Amino acid sequence: MNSIRRFVLFGLLEARSCIFPAVIFLTLAASKLFHISGLPRYDFILLICVLAQVLMLVFKLETWDEFKVICMFHVIGLVLELYKVHMGSWAYPEDGWSKIGGVPLYSGFMYASVASYICQAWRNMNLRIRNWPHAVWTVSISILIYLNFFTHHYLWDLRWWLTLLLFIIFFKTFVYFDVGGKTYRMPLVLSFFLIGFFIWVAENISTFFGAWQYPDQEHAWRIVHISKISSWFLLVVISIIIVAQLKKVKETEQTEDANAGVKQQFK
């Protein structure tokens, strides 16, 4: 298989991993163009997101373990949304029955879709991470990054210091993935940035379709400031660290169960 065919296959695997995000984007576009009488747009989007999640479980596109991870991200994202909307960072100007504190419940699914992509890509491309740092470092940096999203409104914004710390912690960490029978590797920090960049592109599409609205988009849509890439970069770090840590815990449990089974056979 030549390089061009592998590149095409890589694109197809990426597209397959983006099923849930694609559903959200298509729903945003459709709900912008078509209005259902008696059903607010935000509530329609929520119904489609819930239906999509159920169908992914029914057709085994996601496992129950992955579903639990996605639910965790839904909660993490919703809490962040409630705070950011309260602080005026962005807004959801349309009416809806499923809004809490000015935030429609479907917004949590946008964060969950990032987790869904990571879980899908992990399986579709057989991701392996080498030289994973100790849990003390990965968990600590995740907590600091998440807290900074809240505290920078009152204290210093530490995102660049946290980014520097990330490079130090993950300097030797690489992610390996398979495409067309060939294994590739990439520095994990680079994958953080690339995913964050494409989420920023997706964010521009989302705001264009009115998923939410930044203060400078109140009167007319304009491109989301490029500095938002750094925010998505850090959010992706949290996402991948949580998924990776949970998978390591799962692998450890499976290894222990297997060893226990072997010992039982020799009793």
Protein backbone atom coordinates (compact mmCIF):
# COMPACT_ATOMS: atom_id res chain seq x y z
CA MET A 1 0.00 0.00 0.00
CA ASN A 2 1.59 3.29 -1.12
CA SER A 3 1.69 6.53 0.83
CA ILE A 4 -1.27 8.12 -0.98
CA ARG A 5 -3.53 5.16 -0.30
CA ARG A 6 -2.50 5.13 3.35
CA PHE A 7 -3.20 8.85 3.59
CA VAL A 8 -6.69 8.30 2.14
CA LEU A 9 -7.23 5.40 4.55
CA PHE A 10 -6.07 7.59 7.42
CA GLY A 11 -8.67 10.17 6.39
CA LEU A 12 -11.38 7.50 6.31
CA LEU A 13 -10.40 6.23 9.75
CA GLU A 14 -10.50 9.79 11.08
CA ALA A 15 -13.94 10.30 9.53
CA ARG A 16 -15.16 7.07 11.08
CA SER A 17 -13.88 8.29 14.45
CA CYS A 18 -15.83 11.54 14.05
CA ILE A 19 -19.32 10.04 13.77
CA PHE A 20 -20.67 11.73 16.89
CA PRO A 21 -19.14 15.18 16.15
CA ALA A 22 -20.44 14.90 12.57
CA VAL A 23 -23.97 14.25 13.84
CA ILE A 24 -23.76 17.39 15.98
CA PHE A 25 -22.50 19.54 13.08
CA LEU A 26 -25.16 18.27 10.70
CA THR A 27 -27.83 18.89 13.34
CA LEU A 28 -26.56 22.43 13.91
CA ALA A 29 -26.70 23.12 10.19
CA ALA A 30 -30.13 21.54 9.70
CA SER A 31 -31.64 23.30 12.71
CA LYS A 32 -30.32 26.62 11.39
CA LEU A 33 -31.99 26.10 8.03
CA PHE A 34 -35.21 24.39 9.14
CA HIS A 35 -37.46 25.26 12.05
CA ILE A 36 -39.85 22.82 13.73
CA SER A 37 -42.95 24.60 14.99
CA GLY A 38 -43.37 24.33 18.76
CA LEU A 39 -39.90 22.85 19.32
CA PRO A 40 -37.10 25.29 20.22
CA ARG A 41 -33.89 24.76 18.30
CA TYR A 42 -31.74 23.98 21.33
CA ASP A 43 -34.19 21.27 22.44
CA PHE A 44 -34.23 19.73 18.97
CA ILE A 45 -30.41 19.54 19.03
CA LEU A 46 -30.54 17.91 22.47
CA LEU A 47 -33.01 15.26 21.28
CA ILE A 48 -30.81 14.39 18.29
CA CYS A 49 -27.70 14.18 20.48
CA VAL A 50 -29.43 11.81 22.91
CA LEU A 51 -30.76 9.70 20.03
CA ALA A 52 -27.31 9.55 18.41
CA GLN A 53 -25.76 8.43 21.68
CA VAL A 54 -28.35 5.68 22.13
CA LEU A 55 -27.88 4.44 18.55
CA MET A 56 -24.10 4.32 18.94
CA LEU A 57 -24.56 2.01 21.91
CA VAL A 58 -27.24 -0.10 20.19
CA PHE A 59 -25.08 -0.62 17.09
CA LYS A 60 -21.98 -1.20 19.27
CA LEU A 61 -20.10 1.76 17.84
CA GLU A 62 -19.27 2.56 21.46
CA THR A 63 -18.71 0.27 24.40
CA TRP A 64 -20.29 0.80 27.81
CA ASP A 65 -16.88 1.73 29.23
CA GLU A 66 -16.48 4.38 26.54
CA PHE A 67 -20.00 5.60 27.26
CA LYS A 68 -19.05 6.11 30.92
CA VAL A 69 -16.03 8.18 29.87
CA ILE A 70 -18.20 10.25 27.52
CA CYS A 71 -20.71 10.90 30.31
CA MET A 72 -17.85 12.12 32.50
CA PHE A 73 -16.87 14.62 29.82
CA HIS A 74 -20.48 15.72 29.47
CA VAL A 75 -20.49 16.67 33.16
CA ILE A 76 -17.03 18.30 33.00
CA GLY A 77 -18.05 20.33 29.96
CA LEU A 78 -21.44 21.35 31.35
CA VAL A 79 -19.91 22.65 34.58
CA LEU A 80 -17.40 24.68 32.56
CA GLU A 81 -20.19 26.01 30.32
CA LEU A 82 -22.29 27.15 33.29
CA TYR A 83 -19.35 29.06 34.70
CA LYS A 84 -18.19 30.61 31.42
CA VAL A 85 -21.68 31.76 30.43
CA HIS A 86 -22.13 33.23 33.90
CA MET A 87 -18.86 35.15 33.45
CA GLY A 88 -19.94 36.42 30.02
CA SER A 89 -17.28 34.57 28.02
CA TRP A 90 -19.94 33.48 25.52
CA ALA A 91 -23.72 33.12 25.37
CA TYR A 92 -26.60 31.04 24.05
CA PRO A 93 -29.06 33.75 22.98
CA GLU A 94 -31.93 31.57 21.77
CA ASP A 95 -34.80 30.30 23.92
CA GLY A 96 -35.11 26.68 24.99
CA TRP A 97 -36.82 24.49 27.56
CA SER A 98 -33.63 22.57 28.31
CA LYS A 99 -31.57 25.58 29.42
CA ILE A 100 -30.07 25.75 32.90
CA GLY A 101 -28.36 28.97 33.97
CA GLY A 102 -28.49 30.19 30.38
CA VAL A 103 -26.81 27.02 29.10
CA PRO A 104 -28.65 24.46 26.93
CA LEU A 105 -28.02 20.88 27.98
CA TYR A 106 -26.90 19.92 24.49
CA SER A 107 -23.70 21.91 25.06
CA GLY A 108 -22.31 19.11 27.22
CA PHE A 109 -22.52 16.80 24.22
CA MET A 110 -20.07 19.01 22.33
CA TYR A 111 -17.43 18.22 24.95
CA ALA A 112 -18.57 14.59 25.02
CA SER A 113 -18.04 14.44 21.25
CA VAL A 114 -14.33 15.17 21.79
CA ALA A 115 -14.13 12.20 24.16
CA SER A 116 -16.08 10.10 21.65
CA TYR A 117 -13.58 10.96 18.92
CA ILE A 118 -10.63 10.03 21.14
CA CYS A 119 -12.19 6.70 22.13
CA GLN A 120 -13.11 5.88 18.53
CA ALA A 121 -9.68 6.83 17.16
CA TRP A 122 -8.02 4.81 19.92
CA ARG A 123 -9.83 1.69 18.74
CA ASN A 124 -9.90 2.34 14.96
CA MET A 125 -6.18 3.05 14.72
CA ASN A 126 -4.98 0.83 17.57
CA LEU A 127 -3.41 3.69 19.52
CA ARG A 128 -0.57 2.90 21.92
CA ILE A 129 1.22 5.43 24.07
CA ARG A 130 4.83 4.87 25.07
CA ASN A 131 6.70 6.48 27.99
CA TRP A 132 3.50 7.59 29.68
CA PRO A 133 4.37 9.78 32.69
CA HIS A 134 3.51 8.77 36.24
CA ALA A 135 -0.11 9.30 37.23
CA VAL A 136 0.94 11.89 39.81
CA TRP A 137 2.12 14.18 37.00
CA THR A 138 -0.69 13.53 34.53
CA VAL A 139 -3.51 13.85 37.06
CA SER A 140 -1.96 16.93 38.66
CA ILE A 141 -1.51 18.78 35.35
CA SER A 142 -5.10 17.93 34.36
CA ILE A 143 -6.45 19.39 37.59
CA LEU A 144 -4.33 22.55 37.23
CA ILE A 145 -5.45 23.06 33.63
CA TYR A 146 -9.12 22.62 34.49
CA LEU A 147 -8.87 24.97 37.49
CA ASN A 148 -7.14 27.61 35.34
CA PHE A 149 -10.24 27.78 33.11
CA PHE A 150 -12.06 29.07 36.21
CA THR A 151 -9.43 30.99 38.17
CA HIS A 152 -7.96 33.08 35.33
CA HIS A 153 -10.99 35.38 35.62
CA TYR A 154 -9.76 36.42 39.06
CA LEU A 155 -6.07 35.49 39.18
CA TRP A 156 -3.28 35.17 36.63
CA ASP A 157 -3.85 33.18 33.44
CA LEU A 158 -1.31 30.37 33.69
CA ARG A 159 -2.02 28.70 30.35
CA TRP A 160 1.45 29.38 28.91
CA TRP A 161 3.21 28.16 32.04
CA LEU A 162 1.00 25.07 31.99
CA THR A 163 1.84 24.56 28.31
CA LEU A 164 5.56 24.73 29.13
CA LEU A 165 5.03 22.22 31.93
CA LEU A 166 3.21 19.93 29.49
CA PHE A 167 6.21 19.91 27.16
CA ILE A 168 8.44 18.96 30.07
CA ILE A 169 6.13 16.19 31.36
CA PHE A 170 5.41 14.66 27.93
CA PHE A 171 8.78 15.33 26.31
CA LYS A 172 9.52 11.62 25.85
CA THR A 173 5.94 10.48 25.27
CA PHE A 174 4.92 9.24 21.82
CA VAL A 175 1.66 7.92 20.43
CA TYR A 176 1.79 4.99 17.97
CA PHE A 177 -1.03 4.25 15.53
CA ASP A 178 -1.64 1.83 12.67
CA VAL A 179 -2.81 2.73 9.16
CA GLY A 180 -3.00 0.11 6.42
CA GLY A 181 -0.76 -2.35 8.24
CA LYS A 182 1.98 0.22 8.88
CA THR A 183 2.76 1.77 12.26
CA TYR A 184 3.40 5.48 12.63
CA ARG A 185 4.43 7.51 15.64
CA MET A 186 3.93 11.11 16.71
CA PRO A 187 4.99 13.16 19.72
CA LEU A 188 1.97 13.22 22.01
CA VAL A 189 2.19 16.99 22.50
CA LEU A 190 1.94 17.45 18.73
CA SER A 191 -1.25 15.35 18.70
CA PHE A 192 -2.62 17.63 21.46
CA PHE A 193 -2.05 20.65 19.24
CA LEU A 194 -3.40 19.10 16.03
CA ILE A 195 -6.64 17.98 17.68
CA GLY A 196 -6.97 21.39 19.35
CA PHE A 197 -6.49 23.12 15.98
CA PHE A 198 -9.18 21.07 14.27
CA ILE A 199 -11.56 21.66 17.17
CA TRP A 200 -10.94 25.40 16.67
CA VAL A 201 -11.87 24.97 13.00
CA ALA A 202 -14.99 23.09 14.11
CA GLU A 203 -15.72 25.88 16.60
CA ASN A 204 -15.78 28.40 13.76
CA ILE A 205 -18.28 26.23 11.92
CA SER A 206 -20.36 25.81 15.09
CA THR A 207 -20.53 29.53 15.85
CA PHE A 208 -21.39 30.21 12.20
CA PHE A 209 -24.41 27.95 12.63
CA GLY A 210 -25.27 29.63 15.93
CA ALA A 211 -24.31 26.84 18.35
CA TRP A 212 -23.18 29.61 20.72
CA GLN A 213 -22.05 33.21 20.42
CA TYR A 214 -18.98 35.11 21.54
CA PRO A 215 -19.40 38.78 22.54
CA ASP A 216 -17.76 40.02 19.31
CA GLN A 217 -20.19 37.89 17.25
CA GLU A 218 -23.33 39.50 18.65
CA HIS A 219 -24.07 41.64 15.59
CA ALA A 220 -22.34 39.63 12.87
CA TRP A 221 -20.40 36.38 12.69
CA ARG A 222 -16.64 36.66 12.59
CA ILE A 223 -13.86 34.13 12.85
CA VAL A 224 -13.08 32.95 16.36
CA HIS A 225 -9.84 34.48 17.62
CA ILE A 226 -6.85 32.26 16.94
CA SER A 227 -5.85 32.41 20.62
CA LYS A 228 -8.73 30.01 21.32
CA ILE A 229 -6.55 27.24 19.88
CA SER A 230 -4.55 27.34 23.12
CA SER A 231 -7.75 26.80 25.14
CA TRP A 232 -8.77 23.81 23.04
CA PHE A 233 -5.19 22.52 23.16
CA LEU A 234 -5.37 22.44 26.97
CA LEU A 235 -8.86 20.95 26.99
CA VAL A 236 -7.68 18.17 24.66
CA VAL A 237 -4.86 17.46 27.12
CA ILE A 238 -7.42 16.84 29.87
CA SER A 239 -9.47 14.63 27.53
CA ILE A 240 -6.60 12.42 26.41
CA ILE A 241 -5.12 12.13 29.90
CA ILE A 242 -8.44 10.98 31.36
CA VAL A 243 -9.02 8.44 28.56
CA ALA A 244 -5.43 7.17 28.75
CA GLN A 245 -5.45 6.86 32.54
CA LEU A 246 -8.75 4.98 32.53
CA LYS A 247 -7.49 2.64 29.82
CA LYS A 248 -4.32 1.96 31.83
CA VAL A 249 -6.46 1.14 34.87
CA LYS A 250 -8.58 -1.18 32.71
CA GLU A 251 -5.51 -2.91 31.27
CA THR A 252 -4.09 -3.38 34.78
CA GLU A 253 -7.36 -4.95 35.97
CA GLN A 254 -7.45 -7.29 32.96
CA THR A 255 -3.83 -8.33 33.55
CA GLU A 256 -4.50 -9.00 37.22
CA ASP A 257 -7.61 -11.04 36.34
CA ALA A 258 -5.63 -13.05 33.79
CA ASN A 259 -2.82 -13.73 36.27
CA ALA A 260 -5.35 -14.73 38.91
CA GLY A 261 -6.92 -17.15 36.41
CA VAL A 262 -3.55 -18.74 35.63
CA LYS A 263 -2.79 -19.17 39.34
CA GLN A 264 -6.20 -20.74 39.87
CA GLN A 265 -5.49 -23.34 37.18
CA PHE A 266 -2.36 -24.53 38.99
CA LYS A 267 -4.04 -24.89 42.37
